PDB file of N, CA and C in Angstrom:
ATOM      1  N   MET A   1       7.755  -7.297  -8.296  1.00  0.00           N
ATOM      2  CA  MET A   1       7.652  -6.021  -7.614  1.00  0.00           C
ATOM      3  C   MET A   1       6.377  -6.022  -6.777  1.00  0.00           C
ATOM      4  N   ILE A   2       6.525  -5.635  -5.522  1.00  0.00           N
ATOM      5  CA  ILE A   2       5.382  -5.524  -4.616  1.00  0.00           C
ATOM      6  C   ILE A   2       5.154  -4.046  -4.318  1.00  0.00           C
ATOM      7  N   VAL A   3       3.961  -3.564  -4.599  1.00  0.00           N
ATOM      8  CA  VAL A   3       3.595  -2.180  -4.324  1.00  0.00           C
ATOM      9  C   VAL A   3       2.942  -2.133  -2.948  1.00  0.00           C
ATOM     10  N   ILE A   4       3.381  -1.166  -2.130  1.00  0.00           N
ATOM     11  CA  ILE A   4       2.822  -0.979  -0.795  1.00  0.00           C
ATOM     12  C   ILE A   4       2.191   0.404  -0.725  1.00  0.00           C
ATOM     13  N   THR A   5       0.892   0.475  -0.447  1.00  0.00           N
ATOM     14  CA  THR A   5       0.265   1.774  -0.205  1.00  0.00           C
ATOM     15  C   THR A   5       0.329   2.034   1.300  1.00  0.00           C
ATOM     16  N   GLY A   6       0.210   3.288   1.681  1.00  0.00           N
ATOM     17  CA  GLY A   6       0.309   3.611   3.110  1.00  0.00           C
ATOM     18  C   GLY A   6       1.705   3.318   3.648  1.00  0.00           C
ATOM     19  N   ALA A   7       2.701   3.413   2.778  1.00  0.00           N
ATOM     20  CA  ALA A   7       4.060   2.980   3.106  1.00  0.00           C
ATOM     21  C   ALA A   7       4.738   3.799   4.196  1.00  0.00           C
ATOM     22  N   THR A   8       4.242   4.997   4.467  1.00  0.00           N
ATOM     23  CA  THR A   8       4.855   5.820   5.516  1.00  0.00           C
ATOM     24  C   THR A   8       4.035   5.826   6.801  1.00  0.00           C
ATOM     25  N   GLY A   9       2.977   5.038   6.828  1.00  0.00           N
ATOM     26  CA  GLY A   9       2.109   4.988   8.007  1.00  0.00           C
ATOM     27  C   GLY A   9       2.628   4.061   9.088  1.00  0.00           C
ATOM     28  N   ASN A  10       1.865   3.959  10.161  1.00  0.00           N
ATOM     29  CA  ASN A  10       2.257   3.144  11.320  1.00  0.00           C
ATOM     30  C   ASN A  10       2.507   1.690  10.963  1.00  0.00           C
ATOM     31  N   VAL A  11       1.683   1.112  10.117  1.00  0.00           N
ATOM     32  CA  VAL A  11       1.834  -0.290   9.718  1.00  0.00           C
ATOM     33  C   VAL A  11       2.684  -0.400   8.459  1.00  0.00           C
ATOM     34  N   GLY A  12       2.434   0.469   7.500  1.00  0.00           N
ATOM     35  CA  GLY A  12       3.137   0.410   6.220  1.00  0.00           C
ATOM     36  C   GLY A  12       4.646   0.465   6.346  1.00  0.00           C
ATOM     37  N   THR A  13       5.156   1.273   7.272  1.00  0.00           N
ATOM     38  CA  THR A  13       6.617   1.350   7.438  1.00  0.00           C
ATOM     39  C   THR A  13       7.189  -0.008   7.828  1.00  0.00           C
ATOM     40  N   HIS A  14       6.466  -0.757   8.637  1.00  0.00           N
ATOM     41  CA  HIS A  14       6.939  -2.088   9.044  1.00  0.00           C
ATOM     42  C   HIS A  14       6.834  -3.093   7.900  1.00  0.00           C
ATOM     43  N   VAL A  15       5.778  -2.990   7.106  1.00  0.00           N
ATOM     44  CA  VAL A  15       5.617  -3.881   5.958  1.00  0.00           C
ATOM     45  C   VAL A  15       6.756  -3.644   4.969  1.00  0.00           C
ATOM     46  N   VAL A  16       7.033  -2.394   4.668  1.00  0.00           N
ATOM     47  CA  VAL A  16       8.121  -2.054   3.746  1.00  0.00           C
ATOM     48  C   VAL A  16       9.449  -2.585   4.285  1.00  0.00           C
ATOM     49  N   ALA A  17       9.732  -2.327   5.548  1.00  0.00           N
ATOM     50  CA  ALA A  17      10.996  -2.768   6.135  1.00  0.00           C
ATOM     51  C   ALA A  17      11.146  -4.285   6.115  1.00  0.00           C
ATOM     52  N   GLU A  18      10.087  -5.002   6.433  1.00  0.00           N
ATOM     53  CA  GLU A  18      10.142  -6.466   6.464  1.00  0.00           C
ATOM     54  C   GLU A  18      10.368  -7.038   5.067  1.00  0.00           C
ATOM     55  N   LEU A  19       9.650  -6.536   4.083  1.00  0.00           N
ATOM     56  CA  LEU A  19       9.826  -7.026   2.717  1.00  0.00           C
ATOM     57  C   LEU A  19      11.209  -6.679   2.183  1.00  0.00           C
ATOM     58  N   ALA A  20      11.691  -5.484   2.512  1.00  0.00           N
ATOM     59  CA  ALA A  20      13.039  -5.080   2.091  1.00  0.00           C
ATOM     60  C   ALA A  20      14.095  -5.981   2.718  1.00  0.00           C
ATOM     61  N   GLN A  21      13.923  -6.283   3.987  1.00  0.00           N
ATOM     62  CA  GLN A  21      14.872  -7.146   4.687  1.00  0.00           C
ATOM     63  C   GLN A  21      14.919  -8.536   4.052  1.00  0.00           C
ATOM     64  N   ARG A  22      13.813  -8.973   3.501  1.00  0.00           N
ATOM     65  CA  ARG A  22      13.759 -10.282   2.844  1.00  0.00           C
ATOM     66  C   ARG A  22      14.320 -10.240   1.427  1.00  0.00           C
ATOM     67  N   GLY A  23      14.742  -9.051   0.993  1.00  0.00           N
ATOM     68  CA  GLY A  23      15.362  -8.911  -0.320  1.00  0.00           C
ATOM     69  C   GLY A  23      14.388  -8.780  -1.476  1.00  0.00           C
ATOM     70  N   LEU A  24      13.122  -8.522  -1.179  1.00  0.00           N
ATOM     71  CA  LEU A  24      12.111  -8.391  -2.229  1.00  0.00           C
ATOM     72  C   LEU A  24      12.116  -6.982  -2.812  1.00  0.00           C
ATOM     73  N   ALA A  25      11.771  -6.874  -4.075  1.00  0.00           N
ATOM     74  CA  ALA A  25      11.663  -5.570  -4.723  1.00  0.00           C
ATOM     75  C   ALA A  25      10.370  -4.913  -4.268  1.00  0.00           C
ATOM     76  N   VAL A  26      10.484  -3.707  -3.717  1.00  0.00           N
ATOM     77  CA  VAL A  26       9.344  -2.996  -3.143  1.00  0.00           C
ATOM     78  C   VAL A  26       9.211  -1.625  -3.786  1.00  0.00           C
ATOM     79  N   ARG A  27       7.985  -1.271  -4.133  1.00  0.00           N
ATOM     80  CA  ARG A  27       7.671   0.090  -4.567  1.00  0.00           C
ATOM     81  C   ARG A  27       6.764   0.672  -3.493  1.00  0.00           C
ATOM     82  N   ALA A  28       7.286   1.597  -2.732  1.00  0.00           N
ATOM     83  CA  ALA A  28       6.571   2.186  -1.602  1.00  0.00           C
ATOM     84  C   ALA A  28       5.903   3.485  -2.053  1.00  0.00           C
ATOM     85  N   LEU A  29       4.585   3.550  -1.904  1.00  0.00           N
ATOM     86  CA  LEU A  29       3.841   4.727  -2.360  1.00  0.00           C
ATOM     87  C   LEU A  29       3.646   5.729  -1.232  1.00  0.00           C
ATOM     88  N   THR A  30       3.821   6.979  -1.588  1.00  0.00           N
ATOM     89  CA  THR A  30       3.612   8.082  -0.665  1.00  0.00           C
ATOM     90  C   THR A  30       3.267   9.322  -1.475  1.00  0.00           C
ATOM     91  N   ARG A  31       2.580  10.258  -0.864  1.00  0.00           N
ATOM     92  CA  ARG A  31       2.320  11.515  -1.553  1.00  0.00           C
ATOM     93  C   ARG A  31       3.553  12.400  -1.579  1.00  0.00           C
ATOM     94  N   SER A  32       4.499  12.148  -0.681  1.00  0.00           N
ATOM     95  CA  SER A  32       5.707  12.976  -0.584  1.00  0.00           C
ATOM     96  C   SER A  32       6.961  12.108  -0.574  1.00  0.00           C
ATOM     97  N   PRO A  33       7.385  11.595  -1.737  1.00  0.00           N
ATOM     98  CA  PRO A  33       8.553  10.706  -1.755  1.00  0.00           C
ATOM     99  C   PRO A  33       9.846  11.392  -1.297  1.00  0.00           C
ATOM    100  N   ALA A  34       9.953  12.704  -1.472  1.00  0.00           N
ATOM    101  CA  ALA A  34      11.165  13.416  -1.064  1.00  0.00           C
ATOM    102  C   ALA A  34      11.362  13.365   0.451  1.00  0.00           C
ATOM    103  N   SER A  35      10.274  13.236   1.205  1.00  0.00           N
ATOM    104  CA  SER A  35      10.392  13.211   2.661  1.00  0.00           C
ATOM    105  C   SER A  35      10.397  11.788   3.227  1.00  0.00           C
ATOM    106  N   ALA A  36      10.322  10.781   2.340  1.00  0.00           N
ATOM    107  CA  ALA A  36      10.324   9.386   2.801  1.00  0.00           C
ATOM    108  C   ALA A  36      11.707   9.006   3.303  1.00  0.00           C
ATOM    109  N   ARG A  37      11.717   8.198   4.333  1.00  0.00           N
ATOM    110  CA  ARG A  37      12.974   7.750   4.931  1.00  0.00           C
ATOM    111  C   ARG A  37      13.508   6.554   4.141  1.00  0.00           C
ATOM    112  N   PRO A  38      14.721   6.643   3.592  1.00  0.00           N
ATOM    113  CA  PRO A  38      15.280   5.506   2.857  1.00  0.00           C
ATOM    114  C   PRO A  38      15.361   4.272   3.750  1.00  0.00           C
ATOM    115  N   VAL A  39      15.059   3.116   3.188  1.00  0.00           N
ATOM    116  CA  VAL A  39      15.073   1.870   3.943  1.00  0.00           C
ATOM    117  C   VAL A  39      16.183   0.963   3.430  1.00  0.00           C
ATOM    118  N   ALA A  40      16.168   0.685   2.134  1.00  0.00           N
ATOM    119  CA  ALA A  40      17.149  -0.202   1.525  1.00  0.00           C
ATOM    120  C   ALA A  40      17.177   0.065   0.025  1.00  0.00           C
ATOM    121  N   SER A  41      18.192  -0.439  -0.640  1.00  0.00           N
ATOM    122  CA  SER A  41      18.331  -0.196  -2.076  1.00  0.00           C
ATOM    123  C   SER A  41      17.255  -0.889  -2.903  1.00  0.00           C
ATOM    124  N   ASN A  42      16.595  -1.894  -2.339  1.00  0.00           N
ATOM    125  CA  ASN A  42      15.535  -2.582  -3.068  1.00  0.00           C
ATOM    126  C   ASN A  42      14.158  -1.954  -2.855  1.00  0.00           C
ATOM    127  N   VAL A  43      14.125  -0.779  -2.217  1.00  0.00           N
ATOM    128  CA  VAL A  43      12.868  -0.044  -2.016  1.00  0.00           C
ATOM    129  C   VAL A  43      12.885   1.201  -2.881  1.00  0.00           C
ATOM    130  N   GLU A  44      11.899   1.295  -3.759  1.00  0.00           N
ATOM    131  CA  GLU A  44      11.733   2.459  -4.629  1.00  0.00           C
ATOM    132  C   GLU A  44      10.575   3.293  -4.082  1.00  0.00           C
ATOM    133  N   TRP A  45      10.855   4.526  -3.687  1.00  0.00           N
ATOM    134  CA  TRP A  45       9.805   5.426  -3.192  1.00  0.00           C
ATOM    135  C   TRP A  45       9.198   6.164  -4.375  1.00  0.00           C
ATOM    136  N   VAL A  46       7.885   6.095  -4.500  1.00  0.00           N
ATOM    137  CA  VAL A  46       7.184   6.682  -5.640  1.00  0.00           C
ATOM    138  C   VAL A  46       6.059   7.576  -5.141  1.00  0.00           C
ATOM    139  N   GLY A  47       5.935   8.730  -5.768  1.00  0.00           N
ATOM    140  CA  GLY A  47       4.836   9.632  -5.451  1.00  0.00           C
ATOM    141  C   GLY A  47       3.559   9.158  -6.127  1.00  0.00           C
ATOM    142  N   ALA A  48       2.505   9.023  -5.353  1.00  0.00           N
ATOM    143  CA  ALA A  48       1.206   8.625  -5.897  1.00  0.00           C
ATOM    144  C   ALA A  48       0.113   9.169  -4.995  1.00  0.00           C
ATOM    145  N   ASP A  49      -1.045   9.340  -5.585  1.00  0.00           N
ATOM    146  CA  ASP A  49      -2.195   9.849  -4.850  1.00  0.00           C
ATOM    147  C   ASP A  49      -3.412   9.049  -5.292  1.00  0.00           C
ATOM    148  N   PHE A  50      -4.196   8.556  -4.352  1.00  0.00           N
ATOM    149  CA  PHE A  50      -5.374   7.757  -4.677  1.00  0.00           C
ATOM    150  C   PHE A  50      -6.356   8.514  -5.565  1.00  0.00           C
ATOM    151  N   ALA A  51      -6.359   9.824  -5.506  1.00  0.00           N
ATOM    152  CA  ALA A  51      -7.280  10.624  -6.308  1.00  0.00           C
ATOM    153  C   ALA A  51      -6.719  10.944  -7.692  1.00  0.00           C
ATOM    154  N   ASP A  52      -5.526  10.453  -8.000  1.00  0.00           N
ATOM    155  CA  ASP A  52      -4.865  10.729  -9.278  1.00  0.00           C
ATOM    156  C   ASP A  52      -4.644   9.408 -10.020  1.00  0.00           C
ATOM    157  N   ALA A  53      -5.548   9.091 -10.940  1.00  0.00           N
ATOM    158  CA  ALA A  53      -5.495   7.812 -11.658  1.00  0.00           C
ATOM    159  C   ALA A  53      -4.179   7.622 -12.412  1.00  0.00           C
ATOM    160  N   LYS A  54      -3.626   8.698 -12.974  1.00  0.00           N
ATOM    161  CA  LYS A  54      -2.361   8.575 -13.710  1.00  0.00           C
ATOM    162  C   LYS A  54      -1.220   8.161 -12.790  1.00  0.00           C
ATOM    163  N   SER A  55      -1.195   8.712 -11.588  1.00  0.00           N
ATOM    164  CA  SER A  55      -0.109   8.348 -10.660  1.00  0.00           C
ATOM    165  C   SER A  55      -0.255   6.899 -10.206  1.00  0.00           C
ATOM    166  N   LEU A  56      -1.488   6.432 -10.039  1.00  0.00           N
ATOM    167  CA  LEU A  56      -1.705   5.033  -9.661  1.00  0.00           C
ATOM    168  C   LEU A  56      -1.307   4.104 -10.795  1.00  0.00           C
ATOM    169  N   ALA A  57      -1.651   4.457 -12.021  1.00  0.00           N
ATOM    170  CA  ALA A  57      -1.287   3.633 -13.173  1.00  0.00           C
ATOM    171  C   ALA A  57       0.229   3.516 -13.286  1.00  0.00           C
ATOM    172  N   ALA A  58       0.922   4.624 -13.116  1.00  0.00           N
ATOM    173  CA  ALA A  58       2.390   4.604 -13.186  1.00  0.00           C
ATOM    174  C   ALA A  58       2.979   3.745 -12.070  1.00  0.00           C
ATOM    175  N   ALA A  59       2.391   3.833 -10.888  1.00  0.00           N
ATOM    176  CA  ALA A  59       2.893   3.068  -9.744  1.00  0.00           C
ATOM    177  C   ALA A  59       2.703   1.567  -9.930  1.00  0.00           C
ATOM    178  N   MET A  60       1.716   1.161 -10.699  1.00  0.00           N
ATOM    179  CA  MET A  60       1.426  -0.266 -10.884  1.00  0.00           C
ATOM    180  C   MET A  60       2.263  -0.927 -11.972  1.00  0.00           C
ATOM    181  N   LYS A  61       2.947  -0.140 -12.803  1.00  0.00           N
ATOM    182  CA  LYS A  61       3.720  -0.716 -13.911  1.00  0.00           C
ATOM    183  C   LYS A  61       4.763  -1.702 -13.380  1.00  0.00           C
ATOM    184  N   GLY A  62       4.699  -2.917 -13.900  1.00  0.00           N
ATOM    185  CA  GLY A  62       5.661  -3.937 -13.527  1.00  0.00           C
ATOM    186  C   GLY A  62       5.391  -4.623 -12.195  1.00  0.00           C
ATOM    187  N   ALA A  63       4.306  -4.256 -11.534  1.00  0.00           N
ATOM    188  CA  ALA A  63       3.988  -4.854 -10.228  1.00  0.00           C
ATOM    189  C   ALA A  63       3.292  -6.200 -10.418  1.00  0.00           C
ATOM    190  N   SER A  64       3.564  -7.122  -9.498  1.00  0.00           N
ATOM    191  CA  SER A  64       2.869  -8.408  -9.513  1.00  0.00           C
ATOM    192  C   SER A  64       1.941  -8.545  -8.313  1.00  0.00           C
ATOM    193  N   LYS A  65       2.218  -7.746  -7.271  1.00  0.00           N
ATOM    194  CA  LYS A  65       1.421  -7.811  -6.038  1.00  0.00           C
ATOM    195  C   LYS A  65       1.271  -6.418  -5.455  1.00  0.00           C
ATOM    196  N   VAL A  66       0.177  -6.248  -4.686  1.00  0.00           N
ATOM    197  CA  VAL A  66      -0.076  -4.980  -3.999  1.00  0.00           C
ATOM    198  C   VAL A  66      -0.517  -5.277  -2.572  1.00  0.00           C
ATOM    199  N   VAL A  67       0.017  -4.510  -1.637  1.00  0.00           N
ATOM    200  CA  VAL A  67      -0.489  -4.510  -0.267  1.00  0.00           C
ATOM    201  C   VAL A  67      -1.223  -3.185  -0.113  1.00  0.00           C
ATOM    202  N   LEU A  68      -2.526  -3.258   0.044  1.00  0.00           N
ATOM    203  CA  LEU A  68      -3.384  -2.075   0.095  1.00  0.00           C
ATOM    204  C   LEU A  68      -3.679  -1.711   1.550  1.00  0.00           C
ATOM    205  N   ILE A  69      -3.071  -0.615   1.986  1.00  0.00           N
ATOM    206  CA  ILE A  69      -3.288  -0.094   3.339  1.00  0.00           C
ATOM    207  C   ILE A  69      -3.810   1.334   3.168  1.00  0.00           C
ATOM    208  N   THR A  70      -5.020   1.589   3.660  1.00  0.00           N
ATOM    209  CA  THR A  70      -5.586   2.935   3.549  1.00  0.00           C
ATOM    210  C   THR A  70      -6.143   3.366   4.892  1.00  0.00           C
ATOM    211  N   PRO A  71      -6.010   4.652   5.193  1.00  0.00           N
ATOM    212  CA  PRO A  71      -6.599   5.147   6.434  1.00  0.00           C
ATOM    213  C   PRO A  71      -8.106   5.298   6.296  1.00  0.00           C
ATOM    214  N   ALA A  72      -8.786   5.271   7.408  1.00  0.00           N
ATOM    215  CA  ALA A  72     -10.233   5.478   7.408  1.00  0.00           C
ATOM    216  C   ALA A  72     -10.528   6.959   7.202  1.00  0.00           C
ATOM    217  N   HIS A  73     -11.288   7.265   6.173  1.00  0.00           N
ATOM    218  CA  HIS A  73     -11.737   8.629   5.903  1.00  0.00           C
ATOM    219  C   HIS A  73     -12.886   8.567   4.912  1.00  0.00           C
ATOM    220  N   PRO A  74     -13.577   9.660   4.683  1.00  0.00           N
ATOM    221  CA  PRO A  74     -14.775   9.631   3.828  1.00  0.00           C
ATOM    222  C   PRO A  74     -14.529   9.128   2.396  1.00  0.00           C
ATOM    223  N   GLN A  75     -13.338   9.308   1.858  1.00  0.00           N
ATOM    224  CA  GLN A  75     -13.050   8.882   0.487  1.00  0.00           C
ATOM    225  C   GLN A  75     -12.391   7.504   0.408  1.00  0.00           C
ATOM    226  N   MET A  76     -12.327   6.786   1.513  1.00  0.00           N
ATOM    227  CA  MET A  76     -11.603   5.515   1.561  1.00  0.00           C
ATOM    228  C   MET A  76     -12.083   4.539   0.478  1.00  0.00           C
ATOM    229  N   ARG A  77     -13.377   4.346   0.366  1.00  0.00           N
ATOM    230  CA  ARG A  77     -13.882   3.379  -0.619  1.00  0.00           C
ATOM    231  C   ARG A  77     -13.497   3.787  -2.033  1.00  0.00           C
ATOM    232  N   ALA A  78     -13.675   5.046  -2.383  1.00  0.00           N
ATOM    233  CA  ALA A  78     -13.324   5.518  -3.726  1.00  0.00           C
ATOM    234  C   ALA A  78     -11.831   5.345  -3.987  1.00  0.00           C
ATOM    235  N   HIS A  79     -11.010   5.629  -2.984  1.00  0.00           N
ATOM    236  CA  HIS A  79      -9.561   5.478  -3.142  1.00  0.00           C
ATOM    237  C   HIS A  79      -9.188   4.013  -3.361  1.00  0.00           C
ATOM    238  N   GLN A  80      -9.791   3.129  -2.595  1.00  0.00           N
ATOM    239  CA  GLN A  80      -9.495   1.708  -2.750  1.00  0.00           C
ATOM    240  C   GLN A  80      -9.950   1.207  -4.122  1.00  0.00           C
ATOM    241  N   GLU A  81     -11.114   1.643  -4.558  1.00  0.00           N
ATOM    242  CA  GLU A  81     -11.606   1.235  -5.876  1.00  0.00           C
ATOM    243  C   GLU A  81     -10.683   1.737  -6.983  1.00  0.00           C
ATOM    244  N   ALA A  82     -10.172   2.948  -6.849  1.00  0.00           N
ATOM    245  CA  ALA A  82      -9.248   3.505  -7.844  1.00  0.00           C
ATOM    246  C   ALA A  82      -7.957   2.694  -7.892  1.00  0.00           C
ATOM    247  N   LEU A  83      -7.447   2.323  -6.723  1.00  0.00           N
ATOM    248  CA  LEU A  83      -6.218   1.530  -6.667  1.00  0.00           C
ATOM    249  C   LEU A  83      -6.441   0.155  -7.290  1.00  0.00           C
ATOM    250  N   VAL A  84      -7.539  -0.496  -6.958  1.00  0.00           N
ATOM    251  CA  VAL A  84      -7.836  -1.821  -7.511  1.00  0.00           C
ATOM    252  C   VAL A  84      -7.996  -1.728  -9.028  1.00  0.00           C
ATOM    253  N   ALA A  85      -8.665  -0.711  -9.519  1.00  0.00           N
ATOM    254  CA  ALA A  85      -8.828  -0.541 -10.973  1.00  0.00           C
ATOM    255  C   ALA A  85      -7.472  -0.389 -11.655  1.00  0.00           C
ATOM    256  N   ALA A  86      -6.585   0.390 -11.064  1.00  0.00           N
ATOM    257  CA  ALA A  86      -5.246   0.570 -11.631  1.00  0.00           C
ATOM    258  C   ALA A  86      -4.465  -0.738 -11.605  1.00  0.00           C
ATOM    259  N   ALA A  87      -4.599  -1.487 -10.531  1.00  0.00           N
ATOM    260  CA  ALA A  87      -3.896  -2.769 -10.410  1.00  0.00           C
ATOM    261  C   ALA A  87      -4.424  -3.774 -11.432  1.00  0.00           C
ATOM    262  N   VAL A  88      -5.726  -3.845 -11.603  1.00  0.00           N
ATOM    263  CA  VAL A  88      -6.322  -4.762 -12.577  1.00  0.00           C
ATOM    264  C   VAL A  88      -5.869  -4.379 -13.986  1.00  0.00           C
ATOM    265  N   ALA A  89      -5.881  -3.088 -14.302  1.00  0.00           N
ATOM    266  CA  ALA A  89      -5.451  -2.626 -15.625  1.00  0.00           C
ATOM    267  C   ALA A  89      -3.978  -2.962 -15.890  1.00  0.00           C
ATOM    268  N   ALA A  90      -3.173  -3.011 -14.835  1.00  0.00           N
ATOM    269  CA  ALA A  90      -1.742  -3.325 -14.973  1.00  0.00           C
ATOM    270  C   ALA A  90      -1.475  -4.823 -14.864  1.00  0.00           C
ATOM    271  N   ASP A  91      -2.526  -5.627 -14.774  1.00  0.00           N
ATOM    272  CA  ASP A  91      -2.424  -7.084 -14.697  1.00  0.00           C
ATOM    273  C   ASP A  91      -1.708  -7.565 -13.429  1.00  0.00           C
ATOM    274  N   VAL A  92      -1.915  -6.837 -12.326  1.00  0.00           N
ATOM    275  CA  VAL A  92      -1.395  -7.272 -11.030  1.00  0.00           C
ATOM    276  C   VAL A  92      -2.145  -8.540 -10.642  1.00  0.00           C
ATOM    277  N   LYS A  93      -1.403  -9.529 -10.167  1.00  0.00           N
ATOM    278  CA  LYS A  93      -2.000 -10.846  -9.898  1.00  0.00           C
ATOM    279  C   LYS A  93      -2.611 -10.980  -8.510  1.00  0.00           C
ATOM    280  N   ARG A  94      -2.078 -10.256  -7.522  1.00  0.00           N
ATOM    281  CA  ARG A  94      -2.594 -10.401  -6.154  1.00  0.00           C
ATOM    282  C   ARG A  94      -2.661  -9.047  -5.454  1.00  0.00           C
ATOM    283  N   ILE A  95      -3.750  -8.881  -4.696  1.00  0.00           N
ATOM    284  CA  ILE A  95      -3.920  -7.690  -3.867  1.00  0.00           C
ATOM    285  C   ILE A  95      -4.282  -8.171  -2.471  1.00  0.00           C
ATOM    286  N   ALA A  96      -3.519  -7.724  -1.488  1.00  0.00           N
ATOM    287  CA  ALA A  96      -3.828  -8.025  -0.088  1.00  0.00           C
ATOM    288  C   ALA A  96      -4.299  -6.744   0.564  1.00  0.00           C
ATOM    289  N   LYS A  97      -5.488  -6.757   1.137  1.00  0.00           N
ATOM    290  CA  LYS A  97      -6.059  -5.588   1.802  1.00  0.00           C
ATOM    291  C   LYS A  97      -5.868  -5.734   3.301  1.00  0.00           C
ATOM    292  N   LEU A  98      -5.209  -4.771   3.887  1.00  0.00           N
ATOM    293  CA  LEU A  98      -5.001  -4.756   5.326  1.00  0.00           C
ATOM    294  C   LEU A  98      -5.930  -3.714   5.931  1.00  0.00           C
ATOM    295  N   SER A  99      -6.703  -4.118   6.924  1.00  0.00           N
ATOM    296  CA  SER A  99      -7.635  -3.194   7.552  1.00  0.00           C
ATOM    297  C   SER A  99      -7.690  -3.440   9.041  1.00  0.00           C
ATOM    298  N   GLY A 100      -7.677  -2.374   9.787  1.00  0.00           N
ATOM    299  CA  GLY A 100      -7.838  -2.456  11.229  1.00  0.00           C
ATOM    300  C   GLY A 100      -9.137  -1.811  11.675  1.00  0.00           C
ATOM    301  N   LEU A 101     -10.012  -1.488  10.708  1.00  0.00           N
ATOM    302  CA  LEU A 101     -11.269  -0.845  11.060  1.00  0.00           C
ATOM    303  C   LEU A 101     -12.081  -1.745  11.974  1.00  0.00           C
ATOM    304  N   GLY A 102     -12.532  -1.187  13.034  1.00  0.00           N
ATOM    305  CA  GLY A 102     -13.353  -1.925  13.973  1.00  0.00           C
ATOM    306  C   GLY A 102     -12.556  -2.779  14.944  1.00  0.00           C
ATOM    307  N   ALA A 103     -11.241  -2.718  14.850  1.00  0.00           N
ATOM    308  CA  ALA A 103     -10.424  -3.502  15.776  1.00  0.00           C
ATOM    309  C   ALA A 103     -10.421  -2.830  17.143  1.00  0.00           C
ATOM    310  N   GLY A 104     -10.411  -3.613  18.180  1.00  0.00           N
ATOM    311  CA  GLY A 104     -10.361  -3.066  19.531  1.00  0.00           C
ATOM    312  C   GLY A 104     -11.068  -3.979  20.511  1.00  0.00           C
ATOM    313  N   PRO A 105     -10.970  -3.654  21.779  1.00  0.00           N
ATOM    314  CA  PRO A 105     -11.555  -4.510  22.817  1.00  0.00           C
ATOM    315  C   PRO A 105     -13.061  -4.713  22.694  1.00  0.00           C
ATOM    316  N   SER A 106     -13.778  -3.743  22.141  1.00  0.00           N
ATOM    317  CA  SER A 106     -15.220  -3.873  22.035  1.00  0.00           C
ATOM    318  C   SER A 106     -15.682  -4.259  20.627  1.00  0.00           C
ATOM    319  N   ALA A 107     -14.771  -4.736  19.782  1.00  0.00           N
ATOM    320  CA  ALA A 107     -15.119  -5.132  18.415  1.00  0.00           C
ATOM    321  C   ALA A 107     -16.080  -6.312  18.436  1.00  0.00           C
ATOM    322  N   PRO A 108     -17.002  -6.375  17.475  1.00  0.00           N
ATOM    323  CA  PRO A 108     -17.971  -7.465  17.440  1.00  0.00           C
ATOM    324  C   PRO A 108     -17.347  -8.829  17.130  1.00  0.00           C
ATOM    325  N   SER A 109     -16.212  -8.860  16.471  1.00  0.00           N
ATOM    326  CA  SER A 109     -15.533 -10.135  16.224  1.00  0.00           C
ATOM    327  C   SER A 109     -14.125 -10.053  16.808  1.00  0.00           C
ATOM    328  N   ARG A 110     -13.684 -11.160  17.357  1.00  0.00           N
ATOM    329  CA  ARG A 110     -12.383 -11.183  18.035  1.00  0.00           C
ATOM    330  C   ARG A 110     -11.562 -12.363  17.531  1.00  0.00           C
ATOM    331  N   LEU A 111     -10.256 -12.186  17.508  1.00  0.00           N
ATOM    332  CA  LEU A 111      -9.352 -13.278  17.197  1.00  0.00           C
ATOM    333  C   LEU A 111      -8.976 -13.999  18.476  1.00  0.00           C
ATOM    334  N   PRO A 112      -8.723 -15.308  18.394  1.00  0.00           N
ATOM    335  CA  PRO A 112      -8.297 -16.031  19.601  1.00  0.00           C
ATOM    336  C   PRO A 112      -6.955 -15.500  20.095  1.00  0.00           C
ATOM    337  N   GLN A 113      -6.770 -15.552  21.399  1.00  0.00           N
ATOM    338  CA  GLN A 113      -5.502 -15.071  21.959  1.00  0.00           C
ATOM    339  C   GLN A 113      -4.595 -16.207  22.294  1.00  0.00           C
TER     340      GLN A 113
END
């Protein structure tokens, strides 16, 4: 099971769709699962909130991997730390952090084109 945070965001929706298309079991996290758009039968939409440790713990049950996508905001670090703590407690083996902070034409580091 792969848990995706930010599953309804600009990037997360594509990550969920791509993993679902590959036939992988996906648990897509959102604060409002009732309003999430169904993708495929192998995608489970789960309500979770970074500020709610119990919801994160429940979301991590049975997960082996996490894709951590969080928006930039004042609580970002605390939210990421809470998610990582929940994943470690659930014995998740891999966490991939996706970040676009600082990306852009004037960014101090650039990828080759």
